[in-house]
Amino acid sequence: MAEKAPERPAYPVISSGWDSEDEESRGKTSDLMTAVKALAVLSLFIVAIALLIR
């Protein structure tokens, strides 16, 4: 009766980089590194503003 759907081609898996977010092993360290980088950028920004105002 109903025709069988054609087999789905084996497309290559392309990772966007977000797939690895599910791994809990590196999640905590990456959060810490993100916080450290944000703090560094914020500190540089504040220093630059202070030097401009001076």
Protein backbone atom coordinates (compact mmCIF):
# COMPACT_ATOMS: atom_id res chain seq x y z
CA MET A 1 0.00 0.00 0.00
CA ALA A 2 2.17 2.84 1.27
CA GLU A 3 5.47 3.20 -0.51
CA LYS A 4 8.57 2.96 1.62
CA ALA A 5 10.37 6.27 1.99
CA PRO A 6 13.74 6.42 0.21
CA GLU A 7 16.82 5.86 2.34
CA ARG A 8 18.22 9.05 3.80
CA PRO A 9 21.63 9.94 2.35
CA ALA A 10 24.55 9.77 4.77
CA TYR A 11 25.30 13.46 5.07
CA PRO A 12 28.56 14.39 6.82
CA VAL A 13 28.03 15.65 10.37
CA ILE A 14 29.02 19.30 10.64
CA SER A 15 29.53 20.51 14.19
CA SER A 16 28.70 24.12 15.00
CA GLY A 17 30.75 23.96 18.17
CA TRP A 18 27.65 24.15 20.36
CA ASP A 19 27.30 20.37 20.45
CA SER A 20 30.22 20.08 22.87
CA GLU A 21 28.36 22.26 25.40
CA ASP A 22 26.56 19.14 26.61
CA GLU A 23 29.78 17.67 27.97
CA GLU A 24 29.93 18.44 31.69
CA SER A 25 33.61 17.55 31.95
CA ARG A 26 34.91 20.79 30.47
CA GLY A 27 31.87 22.92 31.20
CA LYS A 28 33.04 24.27 34.53
CA THR A 29 36.56 25.13 33.37
CA SER A 30 35.26 26.91 30.27
CA ASP A 31 32.87 28.95 32.42
CA LEU A 32 35.79 29.93 34.66
CA MET A 33 37.95 30.87 31.67
CA THR A 34 35.11 32.94 30.23
CA ALA A 35 34.77 34.80 33.52
CA VAL A 36 38.54 35.40 33.69
CA LYS A 37 38.63 36.71 30.12
CA ALA A 38 35.65 38.98 30.77
CA LEU A 39 37.36 40.34 33.90
CA ALA A 40 40.57 40.99 31.96
CA VAL A 41 38.74 42.84 29.18
CA LEU A 42 36.76 44.87 31.70
CA SER A 43 39.93 45.77 33.60
CA LEU A 44 41.68 46.90 30.41
CA PHE A 45 38.64 48.97 29.48
CA ILE A 46 38.59 50.69 32.88
CA VAL A 47 42.34 51.39 32.71
CA ALA A 48 41.97 52.84 29.20
CA ILE A 49 39.14 55.13 30.34
CA ALA A 50 41.19 56.22 33.38
CA LEU A 51 44.17 57.08 31.17
CA LEU A 52 41.95 59.08 28.82
CA ILE A 53 40.39 61.07 31.66
CA ARG A 54 43.70 61.73 33.43
